[in-house]
Amino acid sequence: SSARPRRLLDTRDSDQRLAAADGP
């Protein structure tokens, strides 16, 4: 239904890194 690129998430914006210890 759509094939136009757009940004959904960038953890650098909040400086909240994805960490294995924190789970998904």
PDBML (XML) file of the C-alpha atoms, coordinates in Angstrom:
<?xml version="1.0" encoding="UTF-8" ?>
<PDBx:datablock datablockName="MODEL"
   xmlns:PDBx="http://pdbml.pdb.org/schema/pdbx-v50.xsd"
   xmlns:xsi="http://www.w3.org/2001/XMLSchema-instance"
   xsi:schemaLocation="http://pdbml.pdb.org/schema/pdbx-v50.xsd pdbx-v50.xsd">
   <PDBx:atom_siteCategory>
      <PDBx:atom_site id="1">
         <PDBx:B_iso_or_equiv>0.00</PDBx:B_iso_or_equiv>
         <PDBx:Cartn_x>0.000</PDBx:Cartn_x>
         <PDBx:Cartn_y>0.000</PDBx:Cartn_y>
         <PDBx:Cartn_z>0.000</PDBx:Cartn_z>
         <PDBx:auth_asym_id>A</PDBx:auth_asym_id>
         <PDBx:auth_atom_id>CA</PDBx:auth_atom_id>
         <PDBx:auth_comp_id>SER</PDBx:auth_comp_id>
         <PDBx:auth_seq_id>1</PDBx:auth_seq_id>
         <PDBx:group_PDB>ATOM</PDBx:group_PDB>
         <PDBx:label_alt_id xsi:nil="true" />
         <PDBx:label_asym_id>A</PDBx:label_asym_id>
         <PDBx:label_atom_id>CA</PDBx:label_atom_id>
         <PDBx:label_comp_id>SER</PDBx:label_comp_id>
         <PDBx:label_entity_id>1</PDBx:label_entity_id>
         <PDBx:label_seq_id>1</PDBx:label_seq_id>
         <PDBx:occupancy>1.00</PDBx:occupancy>
         <PDBx:pdbx_PDB_model_num>1</PDBx:pdbx_PDB_model_num>
         <PDBx:type_symbol>C</PDBx:type_symbol>
      </PDBx:atom_site>
      <PDBx:atom_site id="2">
         <PDBx:B_iso_or_equiv>0.00</PDBx:B_iso_or_equiv>
         <PDBx:Cartn_x>2.966</PDBx:Cartn_x>
         <PDBx:Cartn_y>2.332</PDBx:Cartn_y>
         <PDBx:Cartn_z>0.190</PDBx:Cartn_z>
         <PDBx:auth_asym_id>A</PDBx:auth_asym_id>
         <PDBx:auth_atom_id>CA</PDBx:auth_atom_id>
         <PDBx:auth_comp_id>SER</PDBx:auth_comp_id>
         <PDBx:auth_seq_id>2</PDBx:auth_seq_id>
         <PDBx:group_PDB>ATOM</PDBx:group_PDB>
         <PDBx:label_alt_id xsi:nil="true" />
         <PDBx:label_asym_id>A</PDBx:label_asym_id>
         <PDBx:label_atom_id>CA</PDBx:label_atom_id>
         <PDBx:label_comp_id>SER</PDBx:label_comp_id>
         <PDBx:label_entity_id>1</PDBx:label_entity_id>
         <PDBx:label_seq_id>2</PDBx:label_seq_id>
         <PDBx:occupancy>1.00</PDBx:occupancy>
         <PDBx:pdbx_PDB_model_num>1</PDBx:pdbx_PDB_model_num>
         <PDBx:type_symbol>C</PDBx:type_symbol>
      </PDBx:atom_site>
      <PDBx:atom_site id="3">
         <PDBx:B_iso_or_equiv>0.00</PDBx:B_iso_or_equiv>
         <PDBx:Cartn_x>6.611</PDBx:Cartn_x>
         <PDBx:Cartn_y>2.329</PDBx:Cartn_y>
         <PDBx:Cartn_z>-0.784</PDBx:Cartn_z>
         <PDBx:auth_asym_id>A</PDBx:auth_asym_id>
         <PDBx:auth_atom_id>CA</PDBx:auth_atom_id>
         <PDBx:auth_comp_id>ALA</PDBx:auth_comp_id>
         <PDBx:auth_seq_id>3</PDBx:auth_seq_id>
         <PDBx:group_PDB>ATOM</PDBx:group_PDB>
         <PDBx:label_alt_id xsi:nil="true" />
         <PDBx:label_asym_id>A</PDBx:label_asym_id>
         <PDBx:label_atom_id>CA</PDBx:label_atom_id>
         <PDBx:label_comp_id>ALA</PDBx:label_comp_id>
         <PDBx:label_entity_id>1</PDBx:label_entity_id>
         <PDBx:label_seq_id>3</PDBx:label_seq_id>
         <PDBx:occupancy>1.00</PDBx:occupancy>
         <PDBx:pdbx_PDB_model_num>1</PDBx:pdbx_PDB_model_num>
         <PDBx:type_symbol>C</PDBx:type_symbol>
      </PDBx:atom_site>
      <PDBx:atom_site id="4">
         <PDBx:B_iso_or_equiv>0.00</PDBx:B_iso_or_equiv>
         <PDBx:Cartn_x>7.823</PDBx:Cartn_x>
         <PDBx:Cartn_y>5.795</PDBx:Cartn_y>
         <PDBx:Cartn_z>0.192</PDBx:Cartn_z>
         <PDBx:auth_asym_id>A</PDBx:auth_asym_id>
         <PDBx:auth_atom_id>CA</PDBx:auth_atom_id>
         <PDBx:auth_comp_id>ARG</PDBx:auth_comp_id>
         <PDBx:auth_seq_id>4</PDBx:auth_seq_id>
         <PDBx:group_PDB>ATOM</PDBx:group_PDB>
         <PDBx:label_alt_id xsi:nil="true" />
         <PDBx:label_asym_id>A</PDBx:label_asym_id>
         <PDBx:label_atom_id>CA</PDBx:label_atom_id>
         <PDBx:label_comp_id>ARG</PDBx:label_comp_id>
         <PDBx:label_entity_id>1</PDBx:label_entity_id>
         <PDBx:label_seq_id>4</PDBx:label_seq_id>
         <PDBx:occupancy>1.00</PDBx:occupancy>
         <PDBx:pdbx_PDB_model_num>1</PDBx:pdbx_PDB_model_num>
         <PDBx:type_symbol>C</PDBx:type_symbol>
      </PDBx:atom_site>
      <PDBx:atom_site id="5">
         <PDBx:B_iso_or_equiv>0.00</PDBx:B_iso_or_equiv>
         <PDBx:Cartn_x>10.733</PDBx:Cartn_x>
         <PDBx:Cartn_y>6.044</PDBx:Cartn_y>
         <PDBx:Cartn_z>2.612</PDBx:Cartn_z>
         <PDBx:auth_asym_id>A</PDBx:auth_asym_id>
         <PDBx:auth_atom_id>CA</PDBx:auth_atom_id>
         <PDBx:auth_comp_id>PRO</PDBx:auth_comp_id>
         <PDBx:auth_seq_id>5</PDBx:auth_seq_id>
         <PDBx:group_PDB>ATOM</PDBx:group_PDB>
         <PDBx:label_alt_id xsi:nil="true" />
         <PDBx:label_asym_id>A</PDBx:label_asym_id>
         <PDBx:label_atom_id>CA</PDBx:label_atom_id>
         <PDBx:label_comp_id>PRO</PDBx:label_comp_id>
         <PDBx:label_entity_id>1</PDBx:label_entity_id>
         <PDBx:label_seq_id>5</PDBx:label_seq_id>
         <PDBx:occupancy>1.00</PDBx:occupancy>
         <PDBx:pdbx_PDB_model_num>1</PDBx:pdbx_PDB_model_num>
         <PDBx:type_symbol>C</PDBx:type_symbol>
      </PDBx:atom_site>
      <PDBx:atom_site id="6">
         <PDBx:B_iso_or_equiv>0.00</PDBx:B_iso_or_equiv>
         <PDBx:Cartn_x>10.213</PDBx:Cartn_x>
         <PDBx:Cartn_y>7.896</PDBx:Cartn_y>
         <PDBx:Cartn_z>5.887</PDBx:Cartn_z>
         <PDBx:auth_asym_id>A</PDBx:auth_asym_id>
         <PDBx:auth_atom_id>CA</PDBx:auth_atom_id>
         <PDBx:auth_comp_id>ARG</PDBx:auth_comp_id>
         <PDBx:auth_seq_id>6</PDBx:auth_seq_id>
         <PDBx:group_PDB>ATOM</PDBx:group_PDB>
         <PDBx:label_alt_id xsi:nil="true" />
         <PDBx:label_asym_id>A</PDBx:label_asym_id>
         <PDBx:label_atom_id>CA</PDBx:label_atom_id>
         <PDBx:label_comp_id>ARG</PDBx:label_comp_id>
         <PDBx:label_entity_id>1</PDBx:label_entity_id>
         <PDBx:label_seq_id>6</PDBx:label_seq_id>
         <PDBx:occupancy>1.00</PDBx:occupancy>
         <PDBx:pdbx_PDB_model_num>1</PDBx:pdbx_PDB_model_num>
         <PDBx:type_symbol>C</PDBx:type_symbol>
      </PDBx:atom_site>
      <PDBx:atom_site id="7">
         <PDBx:B_iso_or_equiv>0.00</PDBx:B_iso_or_equiv>
         <PDBx:Cartn_x>11.755</PDBx:Cartn_x>
         <PDBx:Cartn_y>7.784</PDBx:Cartn_y>
         <PDBx:Cartn_z>9.355</PDBx:Cartn_z>
         <PDBx:auth_asym_id>A</PDBx:auth_asym_id>
         <PDBx:auth_atom_id>CA</PDBx:auth_atom_id>
         <PDBx:auth_comp_id>ARG</PDBx:auth_comp_id>
         <PDBx:auth_seq_id>7</PDBx:auth_seq_id>
         <PDBx:group_PDB>ATOM</PDBx:group_PDB>
         <PDBx:label_alt_id xsi:nil="true" />
         <PDBx:label_asym_id>A</PDBx:label_asym_id>
         <PDBx:label_atom_id>CA</PDBx:label_atom_id>
         <PDBx:label_comp_id>ARG</PDBx:label_comp_id>
         <PDBx:label_entity_id>1</PDBx:label_entity_id>
         <PDBx:label_seq_id>7</PDBx:label_seq_id>
         <PDBx:occupancy>1.00</PDBx:occupancy>
         <PDBx:pdbx_PDB_model_num>1</PDBx:pdbx_PDB_model_num>
         <PDBx:type_symbol>C</PDBx:type_symbol>
      </PDBx:atom_site>
      <PDBx:atom_site id="8">
         <PDBx:B_iso_or_equiv>0.00</PDBx:B_iso_or_equiv>
         <PDBx:Cartn_x>9.931</PDBx:Cartn_x>
         <PDBx:Cartn_y>6.005</PDBx:Cartn_y>
         <PDBx:Cartn_z>12.170</PDBx:Cartn_z>
         <PDBx:auth_asym_id>A</PDBx:auth_asym_id>
         <PDBx:auth_atom_id>CA</PDBx:auth_atom_id>
         <PDBx:auth_comp_id>LEU</PDBx:auth_comp_id>
         <PDBx:auth_seq_id>8</PDBx:auth_seq_id>
         <PDBx:group_PDB>ATOM</PDBx:group_PDB>
         <PDBx:label_alt_id xsi:nil="true" />
         <PDBx:label_asym_id>A</PDBx:label_asym_id>
         <PDBx:label_atom_id>CA</PDBx:label_atom_id>
         <PDBx:label_comp_id>LEU</PDBx:label_comp_id>
         <PDBx:label_entity_id>1</PDBx:label_entity_id>
         <PDBx:label_seq_id>8</PDBx:label_seq_id>
         <PDBx:occupancy>1.00</PDBx:occupancy>
         <PDBx:pdbx_PDB_model_num>1</PDBx:pdbx_PDB_model_num>
         <PDBx:type_symbol>C</PDBx:type_symbol>
      </PDBx:atom_site>
      <PDBx:atom_site id="9">
         <PDBx:B_iso_or_equiv>0.00</PDBx:B_iso_or_equiv>
         <PDBx:Cartn_x>12.475</PDBx:Cartn_x>
         <PDBx:Cartn_y>5.877</PDBx:Cartn_y>
         <PDBx:Cartn_z>15.006</PDBx:Cartn_z>
         <PDBx:auth_asym_id>A</PDBx:auth_asym_id>
         <PDBx:auth_atom_id>CA</PDBx:auth_atom_id>
         <PDBx:auth_comp_id>LEU</PDBx:auth_comp_id>
         <PDBx:auth_seq_id>9</PDBx:auth_seq_id>
         <PDBx:group_PDB>ATOM</PDBx:group_PDB>
         <PDBx:label_alt_id xsi:nil="true" />
         <PDBx:label_asym_id>A</PDBx:label_asym_id>
         <PDBx:label_atom_id>CA</PDBx:label_atom_id>
         <PDBx:label_comp_id>LEU</PDBx:label_comp_id>
         <PDBx:label_entity_id>1</PDBx:label_entity_id>
         <PDBx:label_seq_id>9</PDBx:label_seq_id>
         <PDBx:occupancy>1.00</PDBx:occupancy>
         <PDBx:pdbx_PDB_model_num>1</PDBx:pdbx_PDB_model_num>
         <PDBx:type_symbol>C</PDBx:type_symbol>
      </PDBx:atom_site>
      <PDBx:atom_site id="10">
         <PDBx:B_iso_or_equiv>0.00</PDBx:B_iso_or_equiv>
         <PDBx:Cartn_x>15.960</PDBx:Cartn_x>
         <PDBx:Cartn_y>7.185</PDBx:Cartn_y>
         <PDBx:Cartn_z>15.827</PDBx:Cartn_z>
         <PDBx:auth_asym_id>A</PDBx:auth_asym_id>
         <PDBx:auth_atom_id>CA</PDBx:auth_atom_id>
         <PDBx:auth_comp_id>ASP</PDBx:auth_comp_id>
         <PDBx:auth_seq_id>10</PDBx:auth_seq_id>
         <PDBx:group_PDB>ATOM</PDBx:group_PDB>
         <PDBx:label_alt_id xsi:nil="true" />
         <PDBx:label_asym_id>A</PDBx:label_asym_id>
         <PDBx:label_atom_id>CA</PDBx:label_atom_id>
         <PDBx:label_comp_id>ASP</PDBx:label_comp_id>
         <PDBx:label_entity_id>1</PDBx:label_entity_id>
         <PDBx:label_seq_id>10</PDBx:label_seq_id>
         <PDBx:occupancy>1.00</PDBx:occupancy>
         <PDBx:pdbx_PDB_model_num>1</PDBx:pdbx_PDB_model_num>
         <PDBx:type_symbol>C</PDBx:type_symbol>
      </PDBx:atom_site>
      <PDBx:atom_site id="11">
         <PDBx:B_iso_or_equiv>0.00</PDBx:B_iso_or_equiv>
         <PDBx:Cartn_x>17.186</PDBx:Cartn_x>
         <PDBx:Cartn_y>6.363</PDBx:Cartn_y>
         <PDBx:Cartn_z>19.334</PDBx:Cartn_z>
         <PDBx:auth_asym_id>A</PDBx:auth_asym_id>
         <PDBx:auth_atom_id>CA</PDBx:auth_atom_id>
         <PDBx:auth_comp_id>THR</PDBx:auth_comp_id>
         <PDBx:auth_seq_id>11</PDBx:auth_seq_id>
         <PDBx:group_PDB>ATOM</PDBx:group_PDB>
         <PDBx:label_alt_id xsi:nil="true" />
         <PDBx:label_asym_id>A</PDBx:label_asym_id>
         <PDBx:label_atom_id>CA</PDBx:label_atom_id>
         <PDBx:label_comp_id>THR</PDBx:label_comp_id>
         <PDBx:label_entity_id>1</PDBx:label_entity_id>
         <PDBx:label_seq_id>11</PDBx:label_seq_id>
         <PDBx:occupancy>1.00</PDBx:occupancy>
         <PDBx:pdbx_PDB_model_num>1</PDBx:pdbx_PDB_model_num>
         <PDBx:type_symbol>C</PDBx:type_symbol>
      </PDBx:atom_site>
      <PDBx:atom_site id="12">
         <PDBx:B_iso_or_equiv>0.00</PDBx:B_iso_or_equiv>
         <PDBx:Cartn_x>19.894</PDBx:Cartn_x>
         <PDBx:Cartn_y>9.012</PDBx:Cartn_y>
         <PDBx:Cartn_z>18.955</PDBx:Cartn_z>
         <PDBx:auth_asym_id>A</PDBx:auth_asym_id>
         <PDBx:auth_atom_id>CA</PDBx:auth_atom_id>
         <PDBx:auth_comp_id>ARG</PDBx:auth_comp_id>
         <PDBx:auth_seq_id>12</PDBx:auth_seq_id>
         <PDBx:group_PDB>ATOM</PDBx:group_PDB>
         <PDBx:label_alt_id xsi:nil="true" />
         <PDBx:label_asym_id>A</PDBx:label_asym_id>
         <PDBx:label_atom_id>CA</PDBx:label_atom_id>
         <PDBx:label_comp_id>ARG</PDBx:label_comp_id>
         <PDBx:label_entity_id>1</PDBx:label_entity_id>
         <PDBx:label_seq_id>12</PDBx:label_seq_id>
         <PDBx:occupancy>1.00</PDBx:occupancy>
         <PDBx:pdbx_PDB_model_num>1</PDBx:pdbx_PDB_model_num>
         <PDBx:type_symbol>C</PDBx:type_symbol>
      </PDBx:atom_site>
      <PDBx:atom_site id="13">
         <PDBx:B_iso_or_equiv>0.00</PDBx:B_iso_or_equiv>
         <PDBx:Cartn_x>17.151</PDBx:Cartn_x>
         <PDBx:Cartn_y>11.642</PDBx:Cartn_y>
         <PDBx:Cartn_z>19.273</PDBx:Cartn_z>
         <PDBx:auth_asym_id>A</PDBx:auth_asym_id>
         <PDBx:auth_atom_id>CA</PDBx:auth_atom_id>
         <PDBx:auth_comp_id>ASP</PDBx:auth_comp_id>
         <PDBx:auth_seq_id>13</PDBx:auth_seq_id>
         <PDBx:group_PDB>ATOM</PDBx:group_PDB>
         <PDBx:label_alt_id xsi:nil="true" />
         <PDBx:label_asym_id>A</PDBx:label_asym_id>
         <PDBx:label_atom_id>CA</PDBx:label_atom_id>
         <PDBx:label_comp_id>ASP</PDBx:label_comp_id>
         <PDBx:label_entity_id>1</PDBx:label_entity_id>
         <PDBx:label_seq_id>13</PDBx:label_seq_id>
         <PDBx:occupancy>1.00</PDBx:occupancy>
         <PDBx:pdbx_PDB_model_num>1</PDBx:pdbx_PDB_model_num>
         <PDBx:type_symbol>C</PDBx:type_symbol>
      </PDBx:atom_site>
      <PDBx:atom_site id="14">
         <PDBx:B_iso_or_equiv>0.00</PDBx:B_iso_or_equiv>
         <PDBx:Cartn_x>16.467</PDBx:Cartn_x>
         <PDBx:Cartn_y>10.629</PDBx:Cartn_y>
         <PDBx:Cartn_z>22.880</PDBx:Cartn_z>
         <PDBx:auth_asym_id>A</PDBx:auth_asym_id>
         <PDBx:auth_atom_id>CA</PDBx:auth_atom_id>
         <PDBx:auth_comp_id>SER</PDBx:auth_comp_id>
         <PDBx:auth_seq_id>14</PDBx:auth_seq_id>
         <PDBx:group_PDB>ATOM</PDBx:group_PDB>
         <PDBx:label_alt_id xsi:nil="true" />
         <PDBx:label_asym_id>A</PDBx:label_asym_id>
         <PDBx:label_atom_id>CA</PDBx:label_atom_id>
         <PDBx:label_comp_id>SER</PDBx:label_comp_id>
         <PDBx:label_entity_id>1</PDBx:label_entity_id>
         <PDBx:label_seq_id>14</PDBx:label_seq_id>
         <PDBx:occupancy>1.00</PDBx:occupancy>
         <PDBx:pdbx_PDB_model_num>1</PDBx:pdbx_PDB_model_num>
         <PDBx:type_symbol>C</PDBx:type_symbol>
      </PDBx:atom_site>
      <PDBx:atom_site id="15">
         <PDBx:B_iso_or_equiv>0.00</PDBx:B_iso_or_equiv>
         <PDBx:Cartn_x>19.894</PDBx:Cartn_x>
         <PDBx:Cartn_y>9.088</PDBx:Cartn_y>
         <PDBx:Cartn_z>23.556</PDBx:Cartn_z>
         <PDBx:auth_asym_id>A</PDBx:auth_asym_id>
         <PDBx:auth_atom_id>CA</PDBx:auth_atom_id>
         <PDBx:auth_comp_id>ASP</PDBx:auth_comp_id>
         <PDBx:auth_seq_id>15</PDBx:auth_seq_id>
         <PDBx:group_PDB>ATOM</PDBx:group_PDB>
         <PDBx:label_alt_id xsi:nil="true" />
         <PDBx:label_asym_id>A</PDBx:label_asym_id>
         <PDBx:label_atom_id>CA</PDBx:label_atom_id>
         <PDBx:label_comp_id>ASP</PDBx:label_comp_id>
         <PDBx:label_entity_id>1</PDBx:label_entity_id>
         <PDBx:label_seq_id>15</PDBx:label_seq_id>
         <PDBx:occupancy>1.00</PDBx:occupancy>
         <PDBx:pdbx_PDB_model_num>1</PDBx:pdbx_PDB_model_num>
         <PDBx:type_symbol>C</PDBx:type_symbol>
      </PDBx:atom_site>
      <PDBx:atom_site id="16">
         <PDBx:B_iso_or_equiv>0.00</PDBx:B_iso_or_equiv>
         <PDBx:Cartn_x>18.137</PDBx:Cartn_x>
         <PDBx:Cartn_y>5.918</PDBx:Cartn_y>
         <PDBx:Cartn_z>24.733</PDBx:Cartn_z>
         <PDBx:auth_asym_id>A</PDBx:auth_asym_id>
         <PDBx:auth_atom_id>CA</PDBx:auth_atom_id>
         <PDBx:auth_comp_id>GLN</PDBx:auth_comp_id>
         <PDBx:auth_seq_id>16</PDBx:auth_seq_id>
         <PDBx:group_PDB>ATOM</PDBx:group_PDB>
         <PDBx:label_alt_id xsi:nil="true" />
         <PDBx:label_asym_id>A</PDBx:label_asym_id>
         <PDBx:label_atom_id>CA</PDBx:label_atom_id>
         <PDBx:label_comp_id>GLN</PDBx:label_comp_id>
         <PDBx:label_entity_id>1</PDBx:label_entity_id>
         <PDBx:label_seq_id>16</PDBx:label_seq_id>
         <PDBx:occupancy>1.00</PDBx:occupancy>
         <PDBx:pdbx_PDB_model_num>1</PDBx:pdbx_PDB_model_num>
         <PDBx:type_symbol>C</PDBx:type_symbol>
      </PDBx:atom_site>
      <PDBx:atom_site id="17">
         <PDBx:B_iso_or_equiv>0.00</PDBx:B_iso_or_equiv>
         <PDBx:Cartn_x>20.303</PDBx:Cartn_x>
         <PDBx:Cartn_y>3.114</PDBx:Cartn_y>
         <PDBx:Cartn_z>23.379</PDBx:Cartn_z>
         <PDBx:auth_asym_id>A</PDBx:auth_asym_id>
         <PDBx:auth_atom_id>CA</PDBx:auth_atom_id>
         <PDBx:auth_comp_id>ARG</PDBx:auth_comp_id>
         <PDBx:auth_seq_id>17</PDBx:auth_seq_id>
         <PDBx:group_PDB>ATOM</PDBx:group_PDB>
         <PDBx:label_alt_id xsi:nil="true" />
         <PDBx:label_asym_id>A</PDBx:label_asym_id>
         <PDBx:label_atom_id>CA</PDBx:label_atom_id>
         <PDBx:label_comp_id>ARG</PDBx:label_comp_id>
         <PDBx:label_entity_id>1</PDBx:label_entity_id>
         <PDBx:label_seq_id>17</PDBx:label_seq_id>
         <PDBx:occupancy>1.00</PDBx:occupancy>
         <PDBx:pdbx_PDB_model_num>1</PDBx:pdbx_PDB_model_num>
         <PDBx:type_symbol>C</PDBx:type_symbol>
      </PDBx:atom_site>
      <PDBx:atom_site id="18">
         <PDBx:B_iso_or_equiv>0.00</PDBx:B_iso_or_equiv>
         <PDBx:Cartn_x>18.847</PDBx:Cartn_x>
         <PDBx:Cartn_y>-0.332</PDBx:Cartn_y>
         <PDBx:Cartn_z>22.724</PDBx:Cartn_z>
         <PDBx:auth_asym_id>A</PDBx:auth_asym_id>
         <PDBx:auth_atom_id>CA</PDBx:auth_atom_id>
         <PDBx:auth_comp_id>LEU</PDBx:auth_comp_id>
         <PDBx:auth_seq_id>18</PDBx:auth_seq_id>
         <PDBx:group_PDB>ATOM</PDBx:group_PDB>
         <PDBx:label_alt_id xsi:nil="true" />
         <PDBx:label_asym_id>A</PDBx:label_asym_id>
         <PDBx:label_atom_id>CA</PDBx:label_atom_id>
         <PDBx:label_comp_id>LEU</PDBx:label_comp_id>
         <PDBx:label_entity_id>1</PDBx:label_entity_id>
         <PDBx:label_seq_id>18</PDBx:label_seq_id>
         <PDBx:occupancy>1.00</PDBx:occupancy>
         <PDBx:pdbx_PDB_model_num>1</PDBx:pdbx_PDB_model_num>
         <PDBx:type_symbol>C</PDBx:type_symbol>
      </PDBx:atom_site>
      <PDBx:atom_site id="19">
         <PDBx:B_iso_or_equiv>0.00</PDBx:B_iso_or_equiv>
         <PDBx:Cartn_x>20.554</PDBx:Cartn_x>
         <PDBx:Cartn_y>-2.594</PDBx:Cartn_y>
         <PDBx:Cartn_z>25.272</PDBx:Cartn_z>
         <PDBx:auth_asym_id>A</PDBx:auth_asym_id>
         <PDBx:auth_atom_id>CA</PDBx:auth_atom_id>
         <PDBx:auth_comp_id>ALA</PDBx:auth_comp_id>
         <PDBx:auth_seq_id>19</PDBx:auth_seq_id>
         <PDBx:group_PDB>ATOM</PDBx:group_PDB>
         <PDBx:label_alt_id xsi:nil="true" />
         <PDBx:label_asym_id>A</PDBx:label_asym_id>
         <PDBx:label_atom_id>CA</PDBx:label_atom_id>
         <PDBx:label_comp_id>ALA</PDBx:label_comp_id>
         <PDBx:label_entity_id>1</PDBx:label_entity_id>
         <PDBx:label_seq_id>19</PDBx:label_seq_id>
         <PDBx:occupancy>1.00</PDBx:occupancy>
         <PDBx:pdbx_PDB_model_num>1</PDBx:pdbx_PDB_model_num>
         <PDBx:type_symbol>C</PDBx:type_symbol>
      </PDBx:atom_site>
      <PDBx:atom_site id="20">
         <PDBx:B_iso_or_equiv>0.00</PDBx:B_iso_or_equiv>
         <PDBx:Cartn_x>20.447</PDBx:Cartn_x>
         <PDBx:Cartn_y>-6.376</PDBx:Cartn_y>
         <PDBx:Cartn_z>25.422</PDBx:Cartn_z>
         <PDBx:auth_asym_id>A</PDBx:auth_asym_id>
         <PDBx:auth_atom_id>CA</PDBx:auth_atom_id>
         <PDBx:auth_comp_id>ALA</PDBx:auth_comp_id>
         <PDBx:auth_seq_id>20</PDBx:auth_seq_id>
         <PDBx:group_PDB>ATOM</PDBx:group_PDB>
         <PDBx:label_alt_id xsi:nil="true" />
         <PDBx:label_asym_id>A</PDBx:label_asym_id>
         <PDBx:label_atom_id>CA</PDBx:label_atom_id>
         <PDBx:label_comp_id>ALA</PDBx:label_comp_id>
         <PDBx:label_entity_id>1</PDBx:label_entity_id>
         <PDBx:label_seq_id>20</PDBx:label_seq_id>
         <PDBx:occupancy>1.00</PDBx:occupancy>
         <PDBx:pdbx_PDB_model_num>1</PDBx:pdbx_PDB_model_num>
         <PDBx:type_symbol>C</PDBx:type_symbol>
      </PDBx:atom_site>
      <PDBx:atom_site id="21">
         <PDBx:B_iso_or_equiv>0.00</PDBx:B_iso_or_equiv>
         <PDBx:Cartn_x>20.066</PDBx:Cartn_x>
         <PDBx:Cartn_y>-6.194</PDBx:Cartn_y>
         <PDBx:Cartn_z>29.204</PDBx:Cartn_z>
         <PDBx:auth_asym_id>A</PDBx:auth_asym_id>
         <PDBx:auth_atom_id>CA</PDBx:auth_atom_id>
         <PDBx:auth_comp_id>ALA</PDBx:auth_comp_id>
         <PDBx:auth_seq_id>21</PDBx:auth_seq_id>
         <PDBx:group_PDB>ATOM</PDBx:group_PDB>
         <PDBx:label_alt_id xsi:nil="true" />
         <PDBx:label_asym_id>A</PDBx:label_asym_id>
         <PDBx:label_atom_id>CA</PDBx:label_atom_id>
         <PDBx:label_comp_id>ALA</PDBx:label_comp_id>
         <PDBx:label_entity_id>1</PDBx:label_entity_id>
         <PDBx:label_seq_id>21</PDBx:label_seq_id>
         <PDBx:occupancy>1.00</PDBx:occupancy>
         <PDBx:pdbx_PDB_model_num>1</PDBx:pdbx_PDB_model_num>
         <PDBx:type_symbol>C</PDBx:type_symbol>
      </PDBx:atom_site>
      <PDBx:atom_site id="22">
         <PDBx:B_iso_or_equiv>0.00</PDBx:B_iso_or_equiv>
         <PDBx:Cartn_x>16.867</PDBx:Cartn_x>
         <PDBx:Cartn_y>-4.154</PDBx:Cartn_y>
         <PDBx:Cartn_z>28.879</PDBx:Cartn_z>
         <PDBx:auth_asym_id>A</PDBx:auth_asym_id>
         <PDBx:auth_atom_id>CA</PDBx:auth_atom_id>
         <PDBx:auth_comp_id>ASP</PDBx:auth_comp_id>
         <PDBx:auth_seq_id>22</PDBx:auth_seq_id>
         <PDBx:group_PDB>ATOM</PDBx:group_PDB>
         <PDBx:label_alt_id xsi:nil="true" />
         <PDBx:label_asym_id>A</PDBx:label_asym_id>
         <PDBx:label_atom_id>CA</PDBx:label_atom_id>
         <PDBx:label_comp_id>ASP</PDBx:label_comp_id>
         <PDBx:label_entity_id>1</PDBx:label_entity_id>
         <PDBx:label_seq_id>22</PDBx:label_seq_id>
         <PDBx:occupancy>1.00</PDBx:occupancy>
         <PDBx:pdbx_PDB_model_num>1</PDBx:pdbx_PDB_model_num>
         <PDBx:type_symbol>C</PDBx:type_symbol>
      </PDBx:atom_site>
      <PDBx:atom_site id="23">
         <PDBx:B_iso_or_equiv>0.00</PDBx:B_iso_or_equiv>
         <PDBx:Cartn_x>15.112</PDBx:Cartn_x>
         <PDBx:Cartn_y>-6.645</PDBx:Cartn_y>
         <PDBx:Cartn_z>26.604</PDBx:Cartn_z>
         <PDBx:auth_asym_id>A</PDBx:auth_asym_id>
         <PDBx:auth_atom_id>CA</PDBx:auth_atom_id>
         <PDBx:auth_comp_id>GLY</PDBx:auth_comp_id>
         <PDBx:auth_seq_id>23</PDBx:auth_seq_id>
         <PDBx:group_PDB>ATOM</PDBx:group_PDB>
         <PDBx:label_alt_id xsi:nil="true" />
         <PDBx:label_asym_id>A</PDBx:label_asym_id>
         <PDBx:label_atom_id>CA</PDBx:label_atom_id>
         <PDBx:label_comp_id>GLY</PDBx:label_comp_id>
         <PDBx:label_entity_id>1</PDBx:label_entity_id>
         <PDBx:label_seq_id>23</PDBx:label_seq_id>
         <PDBx:occupancy>1.00</PDBx:occupancy>
         <PDBx:pdbx_PDB_model_num>1</PDBx:pdbx_PDB_model_num>
         <PDBx:type_symbol>C</PDBx:type_symbol>
      </PDBx:atom_site>
      <PDBx:atom_site id="24">
         <PDBx:B_iso_or_equiv>0.00</PDBx:B_iso_or_equiv>
         <PDBx:Cartn_x>13.237</PDBx:Cartn_x>
         <PDBx:Cartn_y>-5.767</PDBx:Cartn_y>
         <PDBx:Cartn_z>23.413</PDBx:Cartn_z>
         <PDBx:auth_asym_id>A</PDBx:auth_asym_id>
         <PDBx:auth_atom_id>CA</PDBx:auth_atom_id>
         <PDBx:auth_comp_id>PRO</PDBx:auth_comp_id>
         <PDBx:auth_seq_id>24</PDBx:auth_seq_id>
         <PDBx:group_PDB>ATOM</PDBx:group_PDB>
         <PDBx:label_alt_id xsi:nil="true" />
         <PDBx:label_asym_id>A</PDBx:label_asym_id>
         <PDBx:label_atom_id>CA</PDBx:label_atom_id>
         <PDBx:label_comp_id>PRO</PDBx:label_comp_id>
         <PDBx:label_entity_id>1</PDBx:label_entity_id>
         <PDBx:label_seq_id>24</PDBx:label_seq_id>
         <PDBx:occupancy>1.00</PDBx:occupancy>
         <PDBx:pdbx_PDB_model_num>1</PDBx:pdbx_PDB_model_num>
         <PDBx:type_symbol>C</PDBx:type_symbol>
      </PDBx:atom_site>
   </PDBx:atom_siteCategory>
</PDBx:datablock>
